[in-house]
């Protein structure tokens, strides 16, 4: 796994409460897939905006669509309304070639 940027690590620290089950020593290096999933499911709208700002909407969309199209289990990690909402949002704002 690639190491997260300092800016992304700071963002993860700001939202550390969302990863309560992850040991503190491992939080800053969580995968992008887990980060996007938890911010979308449990984060605030400000956290979503900041995630887009740090990672870029294209990269976030790629992580989201890769996860939700890989398997039903990964798709099932998203709340039904969250999955529907971000599928619509990211399909409308991100390039079509990321799917």
PDB file of N, CA and C in Angstrom:
ATOM      1  N   UNK A   1       0.856  -1.189   0.000  1.00  0.00           N
ATOM      2  CA  UNK A   1       0.000   0.000   0.000  1.00  0.00           C
ATOM      3  C   UNK A   1       0.890   1.236   0.000  1.00  0.00           C
ATOM      4  N   UNK A   2       0.534   2.219  -0.776  1.00  0.00           N
ATOM      5  CA  UNK A   2       1.270   3.469  -0.782  1.00  0.00           C
ATOM      6  C   UNK A   2       1.009   4.230   0.502  1.00  0.00           C
ATOM      7  N   UNK A   3       2.021   4.945   0.940  1.00  0.00           N
ATOM      8  CA  UNK A   3       1.861   5.735   2.149  1.00  0.00           C
ATOM      9  C   UNK A   3       1.026   6.973   1.843  1.00  0.00           C
ATOM     10  N   UNK A   4       0.170   7.328   2.768  1.00  0.00           N
ATOM     11  CA  UNK A   4      -0.682   8.499   2.588  1.00  0.00           C
ATOM     12  C   UNK A   4       0.136   9.772   2.732  1.00  0.00           C
ATOM     13  N   UNK A   5      -0.277  10.814   2.019  1.00  0.00           N
ATOM     14  CA  UNK A   5       0.404  12.109   2.075  1.00  0.00           C
ATOM     15  C   UNK A   5       0.224  12.723   3.459  1.00  0.00           C
ATOM     16  N   UNK A   6       1.099  13.666   3.830  1.00  0.00           N
ATOM     17  CA  UNK A   6       0.940  14.343   5.130  1.00  0.00           C
ATOM     18  C   UNK A   6      -0.430  15.024   5.272  1.00  0.00           C
ATOM     19  N   UNK A   7      -0.921  15.610   4.183  1.00  0.00           N
ATOM     20  CA  UNK A   7      -2.229  16.271   4.220  1.00  0.00           C
ATOM     21  C   UNK A   7      -3.350  15.257   4.467  1.00  0.00           C
ATOM     22  N   UNK A   8      -3.256  14.108   3.836  1.00  0.00           N
ATOM     23  CA  UNK A   8      -4.264  13.065   4.025  1.00  0.00           C
ATOM     24  C   UNK A   8      -4.174  12.487   5.434  1.00  0.00           C
ATOM     25  N   UNK A   9      -2.967  12.332   5.954  1.00  0.00           N
ATOM     26  CA  UNK A   9      -2.787  11.846   7.327  1.00  0.00           C
ATOM     27  C   UNK A   9      -3.414  12.813   8.325  1.00  0.00           C
ATOM     28  N   UNK A  10      -3.236  14.110   8.103  1.00  0.00           N
ATOM     29  CA  UNK A  10      -3.843  15.115   8.984  1.00  0.00           C
ATOM     30  C   UNK A  10      -5.370  15.027   8.920  1.00  0.00           C
ATOM     31  N   UNK A  11      -5.900  14.821   7.730  1.00  0.00           N
ATOM     32  CA  UNK A  11      -7.343  14.674   7.555  1.00  0.00           C
ATOM     33  C   UNK A  11      -7.859  13.439   8.300  1.00  0.00           C
ATOM     34  N   UNK A  12      -7.121  12.351   8.209  1.00  0.00           N
ATOM     35  CA  UNK A  12      -7.505  11.125   8.917  1.00  0.00           C
ATOM     36  C   UNK A  12      -7.491  11.375  10.423  1.00  0.00           C
ATOM     37  N   UNK A  13      -6.472  12.078  10.909  1.00  0.00           N
ATOM     38  CA  UNK A  13      -6.422  12.409  12.356  1.00  0.00           C
ATOM     39  C   UNK A  13      -7.635  13.242  12.768  1.00  0.00           C
ATOM     40  N   UNK A  14      -8.039  14.186  11.926  1.00  0.00           N
ATOM     41  CA  UNK A  14      -9.218  15.020  12.222  1.00  0.00           C
ATOM     42  C   UNK A  14     -10.487  14.170  12.336  1.00  0.00           C
ATOM     43  N   UNK A  15     -10.536  13.076  11.616  1.00  0.00           N
ATOM     44  CA  UNK A  15     -11.715  12.216  11.578  1.00  0.00           C
ATOM     45  C   UNK A  15     -11.449  10.860  12.229  1.00  0.00           C
ATOM     46  N   UNK A  16     -10.470  10.803  13.116  1.00  0.00           N
ATOM     47  CA  UNK A  16     -10.039   9.542  13.735  1.00  0.00           C
ATOM     48  C   UNK A  16     -11.182   8.821  14.451  1.00  0.00           C
ATOM     49  N   UNK A  17     -12.142   9.561  14.969  1.00  0.00           N
ATOM     50  CA  UNK A  17     -13.262   8.946  15.684  1.00  0.00           C
ATOM     51  C   UNK A  17     -14.086   8.020  14.790  1.00  0.00           C
ATOM     52  N   UNK A  18     -14.005   8.208  13.470  1.00  0.00           N
ATOM     53  CA  UNK A  18     -14.735   7.345  12.546  1.00  0.00           C
ATOM     54  C   UNK A  18     -14.089   5.972  12.427  1.00  0.00           C
ATOM     55  N   UNK A  19     -12.840   5.872  12.858  1.00  0.00           N
ATOM     56  CA  UNK A  19     -12.076   4.628  12.749  1.00  0.00           C
ATOM     57  C   UNK A  19     -11.755   4.114  14.144  1.00  0.00           C
ATOM     58  N   UNK A  20     -12.755   4.125  15.014  1.00  0.00           N
ATOM     59  CA  UNK A  20     -12.568   3.800  16.432  1.00  0.00           C
ATOM     60  C   UNK A  20     -11.982   2.410  16.648  1.00  0.00           C
ATOM     61  N   UNK A  21     -12.218   1.484  15.761  1.00  0.00           N
ATOM     62  CA  UNK A  21     -11.762   0.107  15.928  1.00  0.00           C
ATOM     63  C   UNK A  21     -10.348  -0.121  15.389  1.00  0.00           C
ATOM     64  N   UNK A  22      -9.792   0.872  14.690  1.00  0.00           N
ATOM     65  CA  UNK A  22      -8.444   0.761  14.139  1.00  0.00           C
ATOM     66  C   UNK A  22      -7.451   1.260  15.187  1.00  0.00           C
ATOM     67  N   UNK A  23      -6.389   0.503  15.461  1.00  0.00           N
ATOM     68  CA  UNK A  23      -5.392   0.962  16.427  1.00  0.00           C
ATOM     69  C   UNK A  23      -4.832   2.331  16.032  1.00  0.00           C
ATOM     70  N   UNK A  24      -4.608   3.185  17.003  1.00  0.00           N
ATOM     71  CA  UNK A  24      -4.114   4.541  16.734  1.00  0.00           C
ATOM     72  C   UNK A  24      -2.852   4.537  15.877  1.00  0.00           C
ATOM     73  N   UNK A  25      -1.992   3.585  16.096  1.00  0.00           N
ATOM     74  CA  UNK A  25      -0.729   3.541  15.359  1.00  0.00           C
ATOM     75  C   UNK A  25      -0.922   3.210  13.875  1.00  0.00           C
ATOM     76  N   UNK A  26      -2.094   2.717  13.498  1.00  0.00           N
ATOM     77  CA  UNK A  26      -2.344   2.316  12.109  1.00  0.00           C
ATOM     78  C   UNK A  26      -3.306   3.251  11.366  1.00  0.00           C
ATOM     79  N   UNK A  27      -3.934   4.165  12.081  1.00  0.00           N
ATOM     80  CA  UNK A  27      -4.971   5.000  11.466  1.00  0.00           C
ATOM     81  C   UNK A  27      -4.470   5.829  10.298  1.00  0.00           C
ATOM     82  N   UNK A  28      -3.300   6.433  10.417  1.00  0.00           N
ATOM     83  CA  UNK A  28      -2.821   7.338   9.369  1.00  0.00           C
ATOM     84  C   UNK A  28      -2.528   6.619   8.061  1.00  0.00           C
ATOM     85  N   UNK A  29      -2.418   5.314   8.098  1.00  0.00           N
ATOM     86  CA  UNK A  29      -2.084   4.555   6.887  1.00  0.00           C
ATOM     87  C   UNK A  29      -3.205   3.651   6.422  1.00  0.00           C
ATOM     88  N   UNK A  30      -4.448   3.999   6.780  1.00  0.00           N
ATOM     89  CA  UNK A  30      -5.570   3.205   6.286  1.00  0.00           C
ATOM     90  C   UNK A  30      -5.647   3.351   4.768  1.00  0.00           C
ATOM     91  N   UNK A  31      -6.282   2.402   4.130  1.00  0.00           N
ATOM     92  CA  UNK A  31      -6.396   2.431   2.667  1.00  0.00           C
ATOM     93  C   UNK A  31      -7.353   3.540   2.224  1.00  0.00           C
ATOM     94  N   UNK A  32      -7.172   3.959   1.006  1.00  0.00           N
ATOM     95  CA  UNK A  32      -8.079   4.959   0.437  1.00  0.00           C
ATOM     96  C   UNK A  32      -9.496   4.398   0.373  1.00  0.00           C
ATOM     97  N   UNK A  33      -9.605   3.110   0.092  1.00  0.00           N
ATOM     98  CA  UNK A  33     -10.918   2.468   0.024  1.00  0.00           C
ATOM     99  C   UNK A  33     -11.654   2.590   1.360  1.00  0.00           C
ATOM    100  N   UNK A  34     -10.966   2.295   2.451  1.00  0.00           N
ATOM    101  CA  UNK A  34     -11.582   2.391   3.776  1.00  0.00           C
ATOM    102  C   UNK A  34     -11.890   3.842   4.130  1.00  0.00           C
ATOM    103  N   UNK A  35     -10.987   4.741   3.788  1.00  0.00           N
ATOM    104  CA  UNK A  35     -11.192   6.157   4.072  1.00  0.00           C
ATOM    105  C   UNK A  35     -12.437   6.686   3.365  1.00  0.00           C
ATOM    106  N   UNK A  36     -12.548   6.427   2.067  1.00  0.00           N
ATOM    107  CA  UNK A  36     -13.712   6.905   1.304  1.00  0.00           C
ATOM    108  C   UNK A  36     -14.992   6.293   1.868  1.00  0.00           C
ATOM    109  N   UNK A  37     -14.966   4.998   2.128  1.00  0.00           N
ATOM    110  CA  UNK A  37     -16.151   4.318   2.656  1.00  0.00           C
ATOM    111  C   UNK A  37     -16.626   4.954   3.958  1.00  0.00           C
ATOM    112  N   UNK A  38     -15.722   5.194   4.885  1.00  0.00           N
ATOM    113  CA  UNK A  38     -16.122   5.736   6.186  1.00  0.00           C
ATOM    114  C   UNK A  38     -16.523   7.211   6.117  1.00  0.00           C
ATOM    115  N   UNK A  39     -15.831   7.986   5.315  1.00  0.00           N
ATOM    116  CA  UNK A  39     -16.218   9.391   5.178  1.00  0.00           C
ATOM    117  C   UNK A  39     -17.589   9.488   4.528  1.00  0.00           C
ATOM    118  N   UNK A  40     -17.838   8.706   3.486  1.00  0.00           N
ATOM    119  CA  UNK A  40     -19.144   8.738   2.830  1.00  0.00           C
ATOM    120  C   UNK A  40     -20.248   8.239   3.762  1.00  0.00           C
ATOM    121  N   UNK A  41     -20.015   7.166   4.484  1.00  0.00           N
ATOM    122  CA  UNK A  41     -21.051   6.588   5.347  1.00  0.00           C
ATOM    123  C   UNK A  41     -21.296   7.385   6.621  1.00  0.00           C
ATOM    124  N   UNK A  42     -20.236   7.904   7.228  1.00  0.00           N
ATOM    125  CA  UNK A  42     -20.359   8.459   8.582  1.00  0.00           C
ATOM    126  C   UNK A  42     -19.868   9.893   8.732  1.00  0.00           C
ATOM    127  N   UNK A  43     -19.170  10.409   7.746  1.00  0.00           N
ATOM    128  CA  UNK A  43     -18.597  11.748   7.860  1.00  0.00           C
ATOM    129  C   UNK A  43     -19.607  12.842   7.578  1.00  0.00           C
ATOM    130  N   UNK A  44     -19.204  14.039   7.892  1.00  0.00           N
ATOM    131  CA  UNK A  44     -20.042  15.215   7.633  1.00  0.00           C
ATOM    132  C   UNK A  44     -19.864  15.658   6.179  1.00  0.00           C
ATOM    133  N   UNK A  45     -20.735  16.542   5.747  1.00  0.00           N
ATOM    134  CA  UNK A  45     -20.613  17.102   4.399  1.00  0.00           C
ATOM    135  C   UNK A  45     -19.300  17.859   4.262  1.00  0.00           C
ATOM    136  N   UNK A  46     -18.874  18.546   5.317  1.00  0.00           N
ATOM    137  CA  UNK A  46     -17.581  19.237   5.286  1.00  0.00           C
ATOM    138  C   UNK A  46     -16.435  18.253   5.107  1.00  0.00           C
ATOM    139  N   UNK A  47     -16.537  17.091   5.750  1.00  0.00           N
ATOM    140  CA  UNK A  47     -15.499  16.067   5.606  1.00  0.00           C
ATOM    141  C   UNK A  47     -15.466  15.542   4.173  1.00  0.00           C
ATOM    142  N   UNK A  48     -16.624  15.356   3.562  1.00  0.00           N
ATOM    143  CA  UNK A  48     -16.684  14.904   2.163  1.00  0.00           C
ATOM    144  C   UNK A  48     -16.034  15.944   1.262  1.00  0.00           C
ATOM    145  N   UNK A  49     -16.361  17.198   1.474  1.00  0.00           N
ATOM    146  CA  UNK A  49     -15.775  18.273   0.658  1.00  0.00           C
ATOM    147  C   UNK A  49     -14.256  18.306   0.800  1.00  0.00           C
ATOM    148  N   UNK A  50     -13.791  18.161   2.034  1.00  0.00           N
ATOM    149  CA  UNK A  50     -12.352  18.189   2.268  1.00  0.00           C
ATOM    150  C   UNK A  50     -11.676  16.967   1.635  1.00  0.00           C
ATOM    151  N   UNK A  51     -12.322  15.825   1.687  1.00  0.00           N
ATOM    152  CA  UNK A  51     -11.788  14.632   1.037  1.00  0.00           C
ATOM    153  C   UNK A  51     -11.641  14.872  -0.466  1.00  0.00           C
ATOM    154  N   UNK A  52     -12.658  15.459  -1.092  1.00  0.00           N
ATOM    155  CA  UNK A  52     -12.592  15.795  -2.516  1.00  0.00           C
ATOM    156  C   UNK A  52     -11.431  16.762  -2.785  1.00  0.00           C
ATOM    157  N   UNK A  53     -11.256  17.723  -1.889  1.00  0.00           N
ATOM    158  CA  UNK A  53     -10.200  18.720  -2.051  1.00  0.00           C
ATOM    159  C   UNK A  53      -8.814  18.083  -1.963  1.00  0.00           C
ATOM    160  N   UNK A  54      -8.635  17.163  -1.035  1.00  0.00           N
ATOM    161  CA  UNK A  54      -7.327  16.546  -0.821  1.00  0.00           C
ATOM    162  C   UNK A  54      -7.016  15.509  -1.890  1.00  0.00           C
ATOM    163  N   UNK A  55      -7.938  14.613  -2.123  1.00  0.00           N
ATOM    164  CA  UNK A  55      -7.687  13.499  -3.050  1.00  0.00           C
ATOM    165  C   UNK A  55      -8.073  13.811  -4.492  1.00  0.00           C
ATOM    166  N   UNK A  56      -8.951  14.776  -4.679  1.00  0.00           N
ATOM    167  CA  UNK A  56      -9.484  15.080  -6.002  1.00  0.00           C
ATOM    168  C   UNK A  56     -10.712  14.218  -6.261  1.00  0.00           C
ATOM    169  N   UNK A  57     -11.743  14.830  -6.841  1.00  0.00           N
ATOM    170  CA  UNK A  57     -12.996  14.112  -7.048  1.00  0.00           C
ATOM    171  C   UNK A  57     -12.813  12.913  -7.982  1.00  0.00           C
ATOM    172  N   UNK A  58     -11.924  13.035  -8.964  1.00  0.00           N
ATOM    173  CA  UNK A  58     -11.683  11.925  -9.895  1.00  0.00           C
ATOM    174  C   UNK A  58     -11.110  10.711  -9.153  1.00  0.00           C
ATOM    175  N   UNK A  59     -10.141  10.946  -8.272  1.00  0.00           N
ATOM    176  CA  UNK A  59      -9.538   9.841  -7.516  1.00  0.00           C
ATOM    177  C   UNK A  59     -10.529   9.226  -6.537  1.00  0.00           C
ATOM    178  N   UNK A  60     -11.305  10.067  -5.864  1.00  0.00           N
ATOM    179  CA  UNK A  60     -12.312   9.559  -4.925  1.00  0.00           C
ATOM    180  C   UNK A  60     -13.333   8.718  -5.692  1.00  0.00           C
ATOM    181  N   UNK A  61     -13.762   9.207  -6.843  1.00  0.00           N
ATOM    182  CA  UNK A  61     -14.732   8.468  -7.654  1.00  0.00           C
ATOM    183  C   UNK A  61     -14.159   7.122  -8.091  1.00  0.00           C
ATOM    184  N   UNK A  62     -12.903   7.094  -8.480  1.00  0.00           N
ATOM    185  CA  UNK A  62     -12.274   5.836  -8.897  1.00  0.00           C
ATOM    186  C   UNK A  62     -12.250   4.843  -7.738  1.00  0.00           C
ATOM    187  N   UNK A  63     -11.851   5.305  -6.559  1.00  0.00           N
ATOM    188  CA  UNK A  63     -11.822   4.434  -5.377  1.00  0.00           C
ATOM    189  C   UNK A  63     -13.223   3.908  -5.088  1.00  0.00           C
ATOM    190  N   UNK A  64     -14.214   4.789  -5.119  1.00  0.00           N
ATOM    191  CA  UNK A  64     -15.602   4.422  -4.831  1.00  0.00           C
ATOM    192  C   UNK A  64     -16.125   3.401  -5.843  1.00  0.00           C
ATOM    193  N   UNK A  65     -15.979   3.692  -7.135  1.00  0.00           N
ATOM    194  CA  UNK A  65     -16.507   2.788  -8.151  1.00  0.00           C
ATOM    195  C   UNK A  65     -15.745   1.469  -8.206  1.00  0.00           C
ATOM    196  N   UNK A  66     -14.437   1.511  -7.986  1.00  0.00           N
ATOM    197  CA  UNK A  66     -13.670   0.261  -7.932  1.00  0.00           C
ATOM    198  C   UNK A  66     -14.181  -0.626  -6.808  1.00  0.00           C
ATOM    199  N   UNK A  67     -14.423  -0.035  -5.647  1.00  0.00           N
ATOM    200  CA  UNK A  67     -14.892  -0.814  -4.495  1.00  0.00           C
ATOM    201  C   UNK A  67     -16.303  -1.341  -4.703  1.00  0.00           C
ATOM    202  N   UNK A  68     -17.180  -0.520  -5.239  1.00  0.00           N
ATOM    203  CA  UNK A  68     -18.590  -0.919  -5.327  1.00  0.00           C
ATOM    204  C   UNK A  68     -18.885  -1.827  -6.518  1.00  0.00           C
ATOM    205  N   UNK A  69     -17.945  -1.932  -7.444  1.00  0.00           N
ATOM    206  CA  UNK A  69     -18.168  -2.836  -8.569  1.00  0.00           C
ATOM    207  C   UNK A  69     -17.359  -4.126  -8.448  1.00  0.00           C
ATOM    208  N   UNK A  70     -16.458  -4.216  -7.471  1.00  0.00           N
ATOM    209  CA  UNK A  70     -15.631  -5.410  -7.297  1.00  0.00           C
ATOM    210  C   UNK A  70     -16.429  -6.590  -6.765  1.00  0.00           C
ATOM    211  N   UNK A  71     -17.214  -6.334  -5.740  1.00  0.00           N
ATOM    212  CA  UNK A  71     -17.953  -7.442  -5.136  1.00  0.00           C
ATOM    213  C   UNK A  71     -19.188  -6.908  -4.411  1.00  0.00           C
ATOM    214  N   UNK A  72     -20.145  -7.786  -4.231  1.00  0.00           N
ATOM    215  CA  UNK A  72     -21.354  -7.412  -3.497  1.00  0.00           C
ATOM    216  C   UNK A  72     -21.034  -7.105  -2.032  1.00  0.00           C
ATOM    217  N   UNK A  73     -20.027  -7.797  -1.480  1.00  0.00           N
ATOM    218  CA  UNK A  73     -19.658  -7.559  -0.082  1.00  0.00           C
ATOM    219  C   UNK A  73     -19.157  -6.134   0.097  1.00  0.00           C
ATOM    220  N   UNK A  74     -18.250  -5.696  -0.780  1.00  0.00           N
ATOM    221  CA  UNK A  74     -17.723  -4.336  -0.672  1.00  0.00           C
ATOM    222  C   UNK A  74     -18.820  -3.314  -0.943  1.00  0.00           C
ATOM    223  N   UNK A  75     -19.672  -3.609  -1.904  1.00  0.00           N
ATOM    224  CA  UNK A  75     -20.800  -2.730  -2.202  1.00  0.00           C
ATOM    225  C   UNK A  75     -21.709  -2.643  -0.983  1.00  0.00           C
ATOM    226  N   UNK A  76     -21.880  -3.765  -0.285  1.00  0.00           N
ATOM    227  CA  UNK A  76     -22.723  -3.815   0.902  1.00  0.00           C
ATOM    228  C   UNK A  76     -22.171  -3.070   2.091  1.00  0.00           C
ATOM    229  N   UNK A  77     -20.909  -2.658   2.031  1.00  0.00           N
ATOM    230  CA  UNK A  77     -20.334  -1.871   3.123  1.00  0.00           C
ATOM    231  C   UNK A  77     -20.900  -0.451   3.156  1.00  0.00           C
ATOM    232  N   UNK A  78     -21.489  -0.030   2.067  1.00  0.00           N
ATOM    233  CA  UNK A  78     -22.090   1.304   2.001  1.00  0.00           C
ATOM    234  C   UNK A  78     -23.567   1.221   2.367  1.00  0.00           C
ATOM    235  N   UNK A  79     -24.030   2.212   3.113  1.00  0.00           N
ATOM    236  CA  UNK A  79     -25.464   2.298   3.385  1.00  0.00           C
ATOM    237  C   UNK A  79     -26.182   2.470   2.047  1.00  0.00           C
ATOM    238  N   UNK A  80     -27.368   1.924   1.940  1.00  0.00           N
ATOM    239  CA  UNK A  80     -28.103   1.937   0.674  1.00  0.00           C
ATOM    240  C   UNK A  80     -28.288   3.359   0.127  1.00  0.00           C
ATOM    241  N   UNK A  81     -28.704   4.286   0.970  1.00  0.00           N
ATOM    242  CA  UNK A  81     -28.902   5.663   0.514  1.00  0.00           C
ATOM    243  C   UNK A  81     -27.580   6.332   0.160  1.00  0.00           C
ATOM    244  N   UNK A  82     -26.539   6.031   0.925  1.00  0.00           N
ATOM    245  CA  UNK A  82     -25.205   6.575   0.645  1.00  0.00           C
ATOM    246  C   UNK A  82     -24.714   6.087  -0.710  1.00  0.00           C
ATOM    247  N   UNK A  83     -24.852   4.805  -0.960  1.00  0.00           N
ATOM    248  CA  UNK A  83     -24.438   4.217  -2.227  1.00  0.00           C
ATOM    249  C   UNK A  83     -25.167   4.881  -3.394  1.00  0.00           C
ATOM    250  N   UNK A  84     -26.465   5.022  -3.278  1.00  0.00           N
ATOM    251  CA  UNK A  84     -27.256   5.644  -4.340  1.00  0.00           C
ATOM    252  C   UNK A  84     -26.849   7.103  -4.547  1.00  0.00           C
ATOM    253  N   UNK A  85     -26.746   7.850  -3.456  1.00  0.00           N
ATOM    254  CA  UNK A  85     -26.422   9.273  -3.551  1.00  0.00           C
ATOM    255  C   UNK A  85     -25.068   9.494  -4.224  1.00  0.00           C
ATOM    256  N   UNK A  86     -24.029   8.821  -3.727  1.00  0.00           N
ATOM    257  CA  UNK A  86     -22.700   9.062  -4.277  1.00  0.00           C
ATOM    258  C   UNK A  86     -22.516   8.456  -5.663  1.00  0.00           C
ATOM    259  N   UNK A  87     -23.264   7.430  -5.998  1.00  0.00           N
ATOM    260  CA  UNK A  87     -23.243   6.933  -7.373  1.00  0.00           C
ATOM    261  C   UNK A  87     -23.751   8.021  -8.306  1.00  0.00           C
ATOM    262  N   UNK A  88     -24.846   8.667  -7.931  1.00  0.00           N
ATOM    263  CA  UNK A  88     -25.404   9.750  -8.755  1.00  0.00           C
ATOM    264  C   UNK A  88     -24.482  10.959  -8.794  1.00  0.00           C
ATOM    265  N   UNK A  89     -23.980  11.373  -7.637  1.00  0.00           N
ATOM    266  CA  UNK A  89     -23.117  12.560  -7.565  1.00  0.00           C
ATOM    267  C   UNK A  89     -21.833  12.342  -8.357  1.00  0.00           C
ATOM    268  N   UNK A  90     -21.182  11.234  -8.107  1.00  0.00           N
ATOM    269  CA  UNK A  90     -19.890  11.000  -8.756  1.00  0.00           C
ATOM    270  C   UNK A  90     -20.036  10.688 -10.235  1.00  0.00           C
ATOM    271  N   UNK A  91     -21.134  10.111 -10.627  1.00  0.00           N
ATOM    272  CA  UNK A  91     -21.374   9.870 -12.052  1.00  0.00           C
ATOM    273  C   UNK A  91     -21.585  11.188 -12.781  1.00  0.00           C
ATOM    274  N   UNK A  92     -22.159  12.155 -12.097  1.00  0.00           N
ATOM    275  CA  UNK A  92     -22.437  13.447 -12.706  1.00  0.00           C
ATOM    276  C   UNK A  92     -21.240  14.374 -12.775  1.00  0.00           C
ATOM    277  N   UNK A  93     -20.307  14.247 -11.814  1.00  0.00           N
ATOM    278  CA  UNK A  93     -19.197  15.192 -11.737  1.00  0.00           C
ATOM    279  C   UNK A  93     -17.855  14.624 -12.158  1.00  0.00           C
ATOM    280  N   UNK A  94     -17.704  13.330 -12.090  1.00  0.00           N
ATOM    281  CA  UNK A  94     -16.427  12.714 -12.444  1.00  0.00           C
ATOM    282  C   UNK A  94     -16.474  12.214 -13.878  1.00  0.00           C
ATOM    283  N   UNK A  95     -15.350  12.037 -14.465  1.00  0.00           N
ATOM    284  CA  UNK A  95     -15.273  11.548 -15.847  1.00  0.00           C
ATOM    285  C   UNK A  95     -15.903  10.173 -15.963  1.00  0.00           C
ATOM    286  N   UNK A  96     -16.485   9.892 -17.076  1.00  0.00           N
ATOM    287  CA  UNK A  96     -17.137   8.596 -17.310  1.00  0.00           C
ATOM    288  C   UNK A  96     -16.124   7.459 -17.435  1.00  0.00           C
ATOM    289  N   UNK A  97     -14.898   7.763 -17.794  1.00  0.00           N
ATOM    290  CA  UNK A  97     -13.923   6.697 -18.039  1.00  0.00           C
ATOM    291  C   UNK A  97     -13.351   6.075 -16.765  1.00  0.00           C
ATOM    292  N   UNK A  98     -13.759   6.519 -15.589  1.00  0.00           N
ATOM    293  CA  UNK A  98     -13.214   5.949 -14.368  1.00  0.00           C
ATOM    294  C   UNK A  98     -13.967   4.695 -13.943  1.00  0.00           C
ATOM    295  N   UNK A  99     -15.138   4.464 -14.488  1.00  0.00           N
ATOM    296  CA  UNK A  99     -15.931   3.295 -14.110  1.00  0.00           C
ATOM    297  C   UNK A  99     -15.361   2.044 -14.690  1.00  0.00           C
TER     298      UNK A  99
END
